[in-house]
Amino acid sequence: MKPNRNLFSHVSKKNLFITLALISTSFLAQCKKKEEDNTPALLALLAFNSSTTALQTTCTTNADGTVDSTLATIAKGSFSICKPASGVIKHYRIEGLKVSTGHYAFTVYAGFPENYSTAPTQSGGTLTAGQFAMSFYSGSGTTFPVPGFSYASYGPSGTKNLTSNGNTTTATPAGTSLYDFISTTVDVCFDLTSATPPKFTIWVTGQNGAVCKTKTNLTLGTAVGTESSWSSSTSALATQNSYFGLSSATGIAFTKIVSSSESVLP
């Protein structure tokens, strides 16, 4: 009796389908397991990539207890100023600052809430009680604000303009600022007390014999400006959160900001 070739063929095909199905199932299971095994690594890689896309302030503590704040890439926005071990900042030093002409602004903030991320603007905005801002603005032409315009503001109590024409909004020619931070780099430093109202004193390296990196040269006589007559109704600095802000990713340069828990003046 001859074998039924059709039956044999049918069984062989059936076994072949079963075998292929088993192989496919095993292969898929191994792929799934491999994918699951690699999930933590993939997530870690994604987390690393995400973290590197966000610009962060780099903090470096010096031997004297001061702390450097640096930014690897200049970008528009506001970034934290690193705190000394005490958590209190009484003295700020900005090294290598240059703000090119073209309506750019560099600002140091103090007494602001956590996670502050708003970049400074030309108008600056109104501060609330307990907030301080020191701004360096480069104008253009002879329109308001004046080119090379630097000013300190505290709360809603007003602004101290550090220009040779005094506390005025009248437009003046370029170069009338008490110090030049537009055509050259400059080191600027200032004290800011937590008294009510706070006392603000600012120095510029090369002006009046001051050298910001050498505190022995920083006195009331070498300062380019001081202010403590803010409104008495304004509270002391509300928080110890400090930031530096840039209005643009171009036209602004600085090396680092150094913060200290020790003020220069009593």
C-alpha atoms as a PDB file:
ATOM      1  CA  MET A   1       0.000   0.000   0.000  1.00  0.00           C
ATOM      2  CA  LYS A   2       1.442   3.323  -0.972  1.00  0.00           C
ATOM      3  CA  PRO A   3       1.825   6.041   1.622  1.00  0.00           C
ATOM      4  CA  ASN A   4      -0.537   8.927   1.402  1.00  0.00           C
ATOM      5  CA  ARG A   5       1.778  11.679   0.142  1.00  0.00           C
ATOM      6  CA  ASN A   6      -0.849  14.334   0.685  1.00  0.00           C
ATOM      7  CA  LEU A   7      -1.204  13.366   4.351  1.00  0.00           C
ATOM      8  CA  PHE A   8       2.580  13.356   4.805  1.00  0.00           C
ATOM      9  CA  SER A   9       2.801  16.719   3.157  1.00  0.00           C
ATOM     10  CA  HIS A  10       0.014  18.056   5.355  1.00  0.00           C
ATOM     11  CA  VAL A  11       1.707  16.782   8.546  1.00  0.00           C
ATOM     12  CA  SER A  12       5.084  18.148   7.484  1.00  0.00           C
ATOM     13  CA  LYS A  13       3.634  21.572   6.797  1.00  0.00           C
ATOM     14  CA  LYS A  14       1.791  21.517  10.095  1.00  0.00           C
ATOM     15  CA  ASN A  15       4.955  20.608  12.006  1.00  0.00           C
ATOM     16  CA  LEU A  16       6.850  23.263  10.132  1.00  0.00           C
ATOM     17  CA  PHE A  17       4.303  25.928  11.101  1.00  0.00           C
ATOM     18  CA  ILE A  18       4.429  24.791  14.740  1.00  0.00           C
ATOM     19  CA  THR A  19       8.221  24.857  14.724  1.00  0.00           C
ATOM     20  CA  LEU A  20       8.327  28.321  13.218  1.00  0.00           C
ATOM     21  CA  ALA A  21       5.741  29.540  15.717  1.00  0.00           C
ATOM     22  CA  LEU A  22       7.807  28.194  18.620  1.00  0.00           C
ATOM     23  CA  ILE A  23      10.952  29.777  17.252  1.00  0.00           C
ATOM     24  CA  SER A  24       9.182  33.111  16.764  1.00  0.00           C
ATOM     25  CA  THR A  25       7.731  33.001  20.275  1.00  0.00           C
ATOM     26  CA  SER A  26      11.112  32.206  21.791  1.00  0.00           C
ATOM     27  CA  PHE A  27      12.783  34.949  19.767  1.00  0.00           C
ATOM     28  CA  LEU A  28      10.203  37.533  20.799  1.00  0.00           C
ATOM     29  CA  ALA A  29      10.474  36.483  24.433  1.00  0.00           C
ATOM     30  CA  GLN A  30      14.257  36.865  24.330  1.00  0.00           C
ATOM     31  CA  CYS A  31      13.917  40.286  22.677  1.00  0.00           C
ATOM     32  CA  LYS A  32      11.409  41.378  25.305  1.00  0.00           C
ATOM     33  CA  LYS A  33      13.683  40.196  28.104  1.00  0.00           C
ATOM     34  CA  LYS A  34      16.667  41.957  26.536  1.00  0.00           C
ATOM     35  CA  GLU A  35      14.629  45.117  26.185  1.00  0.00           C
ATOM     36  CA  GLU A  36      13.544  44.889  29.828  1.00  0.00           C
ATOM     37  CA  ASP A  37      17.131  44.262  30.928  1.00  0.00           C
ATOM     38  CA  ASN A  38      18.279  47.344  29.012  1.00  0.00           C
ATOM     39  CA  THR A  39      15.446  49.607  30.216  1.00  0.00           C
ATOM     40  CA  PRO A  40      17.327  51.000  33.282  1.00  0.00           C
ATOM     41  CA  ALA A  41      20.357  51.778  31.134  1.00  0.00           C
ATOM     42  CA  LEU A  42      18.203  53.427  28.490  1.00  0.00           C
ATOM     43  CA  LEU A  43      16.382  55.481  31.099  1.00  0.00           C
ATOM     44  CA  ALA A  44      19.678  56.500  32.686  1.00  0.00           C
ATOM     45  CA  LEU A  45      21.010  57.552  29.282  1.00  0.00           C
ATOM     46  CA  LEU A  46      17.881  59.566  28.573  1.00  0.00           C
ATOM     47  CA  ALA A  47      18.090  61.188  32.004  1.00  0.00           C
ATOM     48  CA  PHE A  48      21.736  62.059  31.382  1.00  0.00           C
ATOM     49  CA  ASN A  49      20.944  63.540  27.987  1.00  0.00           C
ATOM     50  CA  SER A  50      18.071  65.539  29.474  1.00  0.00           C
ATOM     51  CA  SER A  51      20.226  66.830  32.307  1.00  0.00           C
ATOM     52  CA  THR A  52      22.966  67.955  29.953  1.00  0.00           C
ATOM     53  CA  THR A  53      20.562  69.974  27.831  1.00  0.00           C
ATOM     54  CA  ALA A  54      19.584  72.156  30.808  1.00  0.00           C
ATOM     55  CA  LEU A  55      22.133  74.860  31.588  1.00  0.00           C
ATOM     56  CA  GLN A  56      23.264  74.716  35.189  1.00  0.00           C
ATOM     57  CA  THR A  57      25.432  77.004  37.289  1.00  0.00           C
ATOM     58  CA  THR A  58      28.720  75.360  38.225  1.00  0.00           C
ATOM     59  CA  CYS A  59      29.769  75.989  41.838  1.00  0.00           C
ATOM     60  CA  THR A  60      33.376  75.911  43.033  1.00  0.00           C
ATOM     61  CA  THR A  61      34.344  76.569  46.653  1.00  0.00           C
ATOM     62  CA  ASN A  62      37.658  78.373  47.150  1.00  0.00           C
ATOM     63  CA  ALA A  63      40.152  77.978  49.981  1.00  0.00           C
ATOM     64  CA  ASP A  64      39.000  81.245  51.589  1.00  0.00           C
ATOM     65  CA  GLY A  65      35.365  80.098  51.733  1.00  0.00           C
ATOM     66  CA  THR A  66      34.153  82.175  48.807  1.00  0.00           C
ATOM     67  CA  VAL A  67      32.217  80.384  46.075  1.00  0.00           C
ATOM     68  CA  ASP A  68      32.541  80.801  42.299  1.00  0.00           C
ATOM     69  CA  SER A  69      29.492  80.684  40.024  1.00  0.00           C
ATOM     70  CA  THR A  70      30.213  79.970  36.360  1.00  0.00           C
ATOM     71  CA  LEU A  71      28.134  79.191  33.300  1.00  0.00           C
ATOM     72  CA  ALA A  72      29.657  77.002  30.590  1.00  0.00           C
ATOM     73  CA  THR A  73      27.472  78.482  27.867  1.00  0.00           C
ATOM     74  CA  ILE A  74      26.082  82.005  27.824  1.00  0.00           C
ATOM     75  CA  ALA A  75      22.291  81.854  27.541  1.00  0.00           C
ATOM     76  CA  LYS A  76      19.267  84.055  28.017  1.00  0.00           C
ATOM     77  CA  GLY A  77      17.640  83.574  31.406  1.00  0.00           C
ATOM     78  CA  SER A  78      18.398  83.710  35.126  1.00  0.00           C
ATOM     79  CA  PHE A  79      20.685  81.305  36.945  1.00  0.00           C
ATOM     80  CA  SER A  80      21.437  80.656  40.611  1.00  0.00           C
ATOM     81  CA  ILE A  81      24.381  82.296  42.325  1.00  0.00           C
ATOM     82  CA  CYS A  82      26.167  79.699  44.454  1.00  0.00           C
ATOM     83  CA  LYS A  83      26.040  80.248  48.208  1.00  0.00           C
ATOM     84  CA  PRO A  84      28.910  80.048  50.708  1.00  0.00           C
ATOM     85  CA  ALA A  85      28.722  77.393  53.441  1.00  0.00           C
ATOM     86  CA  SER A  86      26.817  79.759  55.744  1.00  0.00           C
ATOM     87  CA  GLY A  87      24.095  80.176  53.126  1.00  0.00           C
ATOM     88  CA  VAL A  88      24.340  83.968  53.452  1.00  0.00           C
ATOM     89  CA  ILE A  89      25.782  86.268  50.764  1.00  0.00           C
ATOM     90  CA  LYS A  90      26.976  89.703  51.847  1.00  0.00           C
ATOM     91  CA  HIS A  91      29.506  90.459  49.106  1.00  0.00           C
ATOM     92  CA  TYR A  92      29.327  89.874  45.344  1.00  0.00           C
ATOM     93  CA  ARG A  93      32.120  90.134  42.769  1.00  0.00           C
ATOM     94  CA  ILE A  94      31.504  89.987  39.008  1.00  0.00           C
ATOM     95  CA  GLU A  95      34.691  89.314  37.060  1.00  0.00           C
ATOM     96  CA  GLY A  96      35.321  90.016  33.385  1.00  0.00           C
ATOM     97  CA  LEU A  97      31.978  91.713  32.778  1.00  0.00           C
ATOM     98  CA  LYS A  98      31.311  93.208  29.346  1.00  0.00           C
ATOM     99  CA  VAL A  99      27.927  94.226  27.939  1.00  0.00           C
ATOM    100  CA  SER A 100      28.118  95.198  24.272  1.00  0.00           C
ATOM    101  CA  THR A 101      26.129  98.128  22.912  1.00  0.00           C
ATOM    102  CA  GLY A 102      22.748  97.043  21.597  1.00  0.00           C
ATOM    103  CA  HIS A 103      20.165  97.031  24.382  1.00  0.00           C
ATOM    104  CA  TYR A 104      21.609  94.170  26.437  1.00  0.00           C
ATOM    105  CA  ALA A 105      21.357  93.778  30.204  1.00  0.00           C
ATOM    106  CA  PHE A 106      23.192  91.834  32.898  1.00  0.00           C
ATOM    107  CA  THR A 107      21.572  91.822  36.346  1.00  0.00           C
ATOM    108  CA  VAL A 108      22.333  90.455  39.801  1.00  0.00           C
ATOM    109  CA  TYR A 109      19.272  89.694  41.920  1.00  0.00           C
ATOM    110  CA  ALA A 110      18.989  89.126  45.665  1.00  0.00           C
ATOM    111  CA  GLY A 111      16.020  88.320  47.873  1.00  0.00           C
ATOM    112  CA  PHE A 112      14.131  86.545  45.101  1.00  0.00           C
ATOM    113  CA  PRO A 113      12.021  83.377  45.360  1.00  0.00           C
ATOM    114  CA  GLU A 114      13.446  79.956  44.570  1.00  0.00           C
ATOM    115  CA  ASN A 115      13.755  78.785  40.966  1.00  0.00           C
ATOM    116  CA  TYR A 116      13.625  82.302  39.563  1.00  0.00           C
ATOM    117  CA  SER A 117      14.129  82.043  35.795  1.00  0.00           C
ATOM    118  CA  THR A 118      13.003  85.329  34.230  1.00  0.00           C
ATOM    119  CA  ALA A 119      15.638  87.094  32.159  1.00  0.00           C
ATOM    120  CA  PRO A 120      16.170  90.825  32.771  1.00  0.00           C
ATOM    121  CA  THR A 121      14.634  93.297  30.357  1.00  0.00           C
ATOM    122  CA  GLN A 122      15.399  96.868  29.362  1.00  0.00           C
ATOM    123  CA  SER A 123      12.667  98.223  31.652  1.00  0.00           C
ATOM    124  CA  GLY A 124      13.692  95.976  34.542  1.00  0.00           C
ATOM    125  CA  GLY A 125      10.242  95.843  36.105  1.00  0.00           C
ATOM    126  CA  THR A 126       9.083  96.750  39.591  1.00  0.00           C
ATOM    127  CA  LEU A 127      10.601  94.945  42.560  1.00  0.00           C
ATOM    128  CA  THR A 128       8.564  93.844  45.547  1.00  0.00           C
ATOM    129  CA  ALA A 129       9.498  94.431  49.185  1.00  0.00           C
ATOM    130  CA  GLY A 130      12.738  92.697  50.122  1.00  0.00           C
ATOM    131  CA  GLN A 131      14.025  92.326  46.557  1.00  0.00           C
ATOM    132  CA  PHE A 132      17.233  93.872  45.202  1.00  0.00           C
ATOM    133  CA  ALA A 133      18.615  94.188  41.669  1.00  0.00           C
ATOM    134  CA  MET A 134      21.916  95.537  40.363  1.00  0.00           C
ATOM    135  CA  SER A 135      21.698  96.040  36.588  1.00  0.00           C
ATOM    136  CA  PHE A 136      24.219  96.800  33.856  1.00  0.00           C
ATOM    137  CA  TYR A 137      22.517  97.972  30.688  1.00  0.00           C
ATOM    138  CA  SER A 138      24.077  98.927  27.357  1.00  0.00           C
ATOM    139  CA  GLY A 139      21.937 101.345  25.431  1.00  0.00           C
ATOM    140  CA  SER A 140      22.209 102.380  21.835  1.00  0.00           C
ATOM    141  CA  GLY A 141      22.395 105.911  20.477  1.00  0.00           C
ATOM    142  CA  THR A 142      21.261 108.720  22.796  1.00  0.00           C
ATOM    143  CA  THR A 143      17.795 107.536  23.746  1.00  0.00           C
ATOM    144  CA  PHE A 144      16.676 106.505  27.234  1.00  0.00           C
ATOM    145  CA  PRO A 145      18.164 104.676  29.045  1.00  0.00           C
ATOM    146  CA  VAL A 146      21.557 106.271  28.594  1.00  0.00           C
ATOM    147  CA  PRO A 147      24.291 104.113  27.065  1.00  0.00           C
ATOM    148  CA  GLY A 148      26.374 102.466  29.760  1.00  0.00           C
ATOM    149  CA  PHE A 149      23.543 102.712  32.265  1.00  0.00           C
ATOM    150  CA  SER A 150      24.066 100.962  35.621  1.00  0.00           C
ATOM    151  CA  TYR A 151      21.631 101.156  38.475  1.00  0.00           C
ATOM    152  CA  ALA A 152      20.742  99.535  41.794  1.00  0.00           C
ATOM    153  CA  SER A 153      17.129  99.058  42.853  1.00  0.00           C
ATOM    154  CA  TYR A 154      15.628  97.904  46.114  1.00  0.00           C
ATOM    155  CA  GLY A 155      11.965  97.006  46.490  1.00  0.00           C
ATOM    156  CA  PRO A 156       9.482  99.616  45.320  1.00  0.00           C
ATOM    157  CA  SER A 157      11.465 102.400  46.969  1.00  0.00           C
ATOM    158  CA  GLY A 158      13.385 103.611  43.928  1.00  0.00           C
ATOM    159  CA  THR A 159      16.567 103.304  41.923  1.00  0.00           C
ATOM    160  CA  LYS A 160      20.111 104.545  42.390  1.00  0.00           C
ATOM    161  CA  ASN A 161      21.623 105.456  39.021  1.00  0.00           C
ATOM    162  CA  LEU A 162      25.394 105.137  38.896  1.00  0.00           C
ATOM    163  CA  THR A 163      26.008 107.654  36.121  1.00  0.00           C
ATOM    164  CA  SER A 164      27.899 110.921  36.128  1.00  0.00           C
ATOM    165  CA  ASN A 165      24.751 112.914  35.506  1.00  0.00           C
ATOM    166  CA  GLY A 166      23.279 111.706  38.793  1.00  0.00           C
ATOM    167  CA  ASN A 167      19.877 110.233  39.449  1.00  0.00           C
ATOM    168  CA  THR A 168      18.146 111.365  36.270  1.00  0.00           C
ATOM    169  CA  THR A 169      16.396 109.855  33.283  1.00  0.00           C
ATOM    170  CA  THR A 170      17.689 112.493  30.879  1.00  0.00           C
ATOM    171  CA  ALA A 171      19.454 110.989  27.888  1.00  0.00           C
ATOM    172  CA  THR A 172      23.209 111.625  27.847  1.00  0.00           C
ATOM    173  CA  PRO A 173      25.947 110.780  25.339  1.00  0.00           C
ATOM    174  CA  ALA A 174      27.756 107.469  25.469  1.00  0.00           C
ATOM    175  CA  GLY A 175      30.662 107.203  27.871  1.00  0.00           C
ATOM    176  CA  THR A 176      29.122 109.165  30.745  1.00  0.00           C
ATOM    177  CA  SER A 177      28.839 106.146  33.041  1.00  0.00           C
ATOM    178  CA  LEU A 178      31.047 106.236  36.114  1.00  0.00           C
ATOM    179  CA  TYR A 179      32.752 103.171  34.702  1.00  0.00           C
ATOM    180  CA  ASP A 180      33.023 101.595  31.268  1.00  0.00           C
ATOM    181  CA  PHE A 181      31.677  98.050  30.963  1.00  0.00           C
ATOM    182  CA  ILE A 182      30.834  98.310  27.252  1.00  0.00           C
ATOM    183  CA  SER A 183      34.105  98.775  25.354  1.00  0.00           C
ATOM    184  CA  THR A 184      36.214  96.792  27.835  1.00  0.00           C
ATOM    185  CA  THR A 185      35.901  94.066  30.443  1.00  0.00           C
ATOM    186  CA  VAL A 186      35.660  95.140  34.060  1.00  0.00           C
ATOM    187  CA  ASP A 187      35.586  93.681  37.577  1.00  0.00           C
ATOM    188  CA  VAL A 188      32.727  95.018  39.701  1.00  0.00           C
ATOM    189  CA  CYS A 189      32.016  94.145  43.338  1.00  0.00           C
ATOM    190  CA  PHE A 190      29.534  95.284  45.962  1.00  0.00           C
ATOM    191  CA  ASP A 191      28.429  94.833  49.560  1.00  0.00           C
ATOM    192  CA  LEU A 192      24.774  94.314  50.358  1.00  0.00           C
ATOM    193  CA  THR A 193      23.755  94.132  53.994  1.00  0.00           C
ATOM    194  CA  SER A 194      20.579  92.518  55.318  1.00  0.00           C
ATOM    195  CA  ALA A 195      19.706  95.516  57.500  1.00  0.00           C
ATOM    196  CA  THR A 196      16.448  97.443  57.148  1.00  0.00           C
ATOM    197  CA  PRO A 197      16.954  99.240  54.881  1.00  0.00           C
ATOM    198  CA  PRO A 198      20.022  97.508  53.416  1.00  0.00           C
ATOM    199  CA  LYS A 199      23.294  99.301  52.786  1.00  0.00           C
ATOM    200  CA  PHE A 200      24.654  98.985  49.269  1.00  0.00           C
ATOM    201  CA  THR A 201      28.273  99.907  48.390  1.00  0.00           C
ATOM    202  CA  ILE A 202      29.876  99.274  45.012  1.00  0.00           C
ATOM    203  CA  TRP A 203      33.467  99.309  43.725  1.00  0.00           C
ATOM    204  CA  VAL A 204      35.070  98.970  40.298  1.00  0.00           C
ATOM    205  CA  THR A 205      38.624  97.798  39.752  1.00  0.00           C
ATOM    206  CA  GLY A 206      40.707 100.719  38.488  1.00  0.00           C
ATOM    207  CA  GLN A 207      38.330 103.392  39.786  1.00  0.00           C
ATOM    208  CA  ASN A 208      39.429 105.513  42.773  1.00  0.00           C
ATOM    209  CA  GLY A 209      42.235 103.040  43.495  1.00  0.00           C
ATOM    210  CA  ALA A 210      39.892 100.116  44.130  1.00  0.00           C
ATOM    211  CA  VAL A 211      40.808  96.508  43.279  1.00  0.00           C
ATOM    212  CA  CYS A 212      37.900  94.124  43.713  1.00  0.00           C
ATOM    213  CA  LYS A 213      40.127  91.070  44.176  1.00  0.00           C
ATOM    214  CA  THR A 214      42.000  92.772  47.037  1.00  0.00           C
ATOM    215  CA  LYS A 215      39.636  93.711  49.850  1.00  0.00           C
ATOM    216  CA  THR A 216      42.158  95.958  51.559  1.00  0.00           C
ATOM    217  CA  ASN A 217      41.650  98.441  48.724  1.00  0.00           C
ATOM    218  CA  LEU A 218      37.884  98.528  49.181  1.00  0.00           C
ATOM    219  CA  THR A 219      36.826 101.425  51.409  1.00  0.00           C
ATOM    220  CA  LEU A 220      34.150 104.083  51.369  1.00  0.00           C
ATOM    221  CA  GLY A 221      36.727 106.394  49.811  1.00  0.00           C
ATOM    222  CA  THR A 222      37.378 104.073  46.861  1.00  0.00           C
ATOM    223  CA  ALA A 223      33.723 103.203  46.207  1.00  0.00           C
ATOM    224  CA  VAL A 224      32.001 104.579  43.103  1.00  0.00           C
ATOM    225  CA  GLY A 225      28.667 104.637  44.890  1.00  0.00           C
ATOM    226  CA  THR A 226      26.854 103.852  48.112  1.00  0.00           C
ATOM    227  CA  GLU A 227      23.213 103.907  49.122  1.00  0.00           C
ATOM    228  CA  SER A 228      21.370 103.244  52.358  1.00  0.00           C
ATOM    229  CA  SER A 229      18.515 105.733  52.167  1.00  0.00           C
ATOM    230  CA  TRP A 230      15.948 103.347  50.713  1.00  0.00           C
ATOM    231  CA  SER A 231      12.435 103.691  52.062  1.00  0.00           C
ATOM    232  CA  SER A 232      12.432 102.774  55.752  1.00  0.00           C
ATOM    233  CA  SER A 233       9.169 100.899  55.256  1.00  0.00           C
ATOM    234  CA  THR A 234      10.926  98.390  53.013  1.00  0.00           C
ATOM    235  CA  SER A 235      11.774  95.151  54.764  1.00  0.00           C
ATOM    236  CA  ALA A 236      15.210  93.566  54.846  1.00  0.00           C
ATOM    237  CA  LEU A 237      16.178  91.028  52.188  1.00  0.00           C
ATOM    238  CA  ALA A 238      13.397  88.463  52.324  1.00  0.00           C
ATOM    239  CA  THR A 239      15.446  85.447  51.259  1.00  0.00           C
ATOM    240  CA  GLN A 240      19.024  84.444  50.598  1.00  0.00           C
ATOM    241  CA  ASN A 241      18.276  83.304  47.058  1.00  0.00           C
ATOM    242  CA  SER A 242      20.466  85.195  44.593  1.00  0.00           C
ATOM    243  CA  TYR A 243      20.594  84.982  40.811  1.00  0.00           C
ATOM    244  CA  PHE A 244      22.340  86.482  37.809  1.00  0.00           C
ATOM    245  CA  GLY A 245      20.336  87.204  34.687  1.00  0.00           C
ATOM    246  CA  LEU A 246      21.211  87.750  31.044  1.00  0.00           C
ATOM    247  CA  SER A 247      18.815  89.338  28.597  1.00  0.00           C
ATOM    248  CA  SER A 248      20.458  87.675  25.609  1.00  0.00           C
ATOM    249  CA  ALA A 249      22.677  84.754  24.626  1.00  0.00           C
ATOM    250  CA  THR A 250      24.894  87.172  22.696  1.00  0.00           C
ATOM    251  CA  GLY A 251      26.457  90.542  23.485  1.00  0.00           C
ATOM    252  CA  ILE A 252      27.126  89.691  27.155  1.00  0.00           C
ATOM    253  CA  ALA A 253      30.253  88.161  28.663  1.00  0.00           C
ATOM    254  CA  PHE A 254      31.534  87.490  32.165  1.00  0.00           C
ATOM    255  CA  THR A 255      34.083  85.127  33.686  1.00  0.00           C
ATOM    256  CA  LYS A 256      32.468  84.294  37.017  1.00  0.00           C
ATOM    257  CA  ILE A 257      30.580  85.628  40.001  1.00  0.00           C
ATOM    258  CA  VAL A 258      32.222  85.233  43.399  1.00  0.00           C
ATOM    259  CA  SER A 259      30.023  85.271  46.499  1.00  0.00           C
ATOM    260  CA  SER A 260      31.181  85.720  50.069  1.00  0.00           C
ATOM    261  CA  SER A 261      29.500  85.550  53.455  1.00  0.00           C
ATOM    262  CA  GLU A 262      31.777  88.348  54.691  1.00  0.00           C
ATOM    263  CA  SER A 263      31.097  91.953  53.729  1.00  0.00           C
ATOM    264  CA  VAL A 264      33.995  94.348  53.126  1.00  0.00           C
ATOM    265  CA  LEU A 265      32.551  97.168  55.259  1.00  0.00           C
ATOM    266  CA  PRO A 266      31.097  96.806  58.756  1.00  0.00           C
END
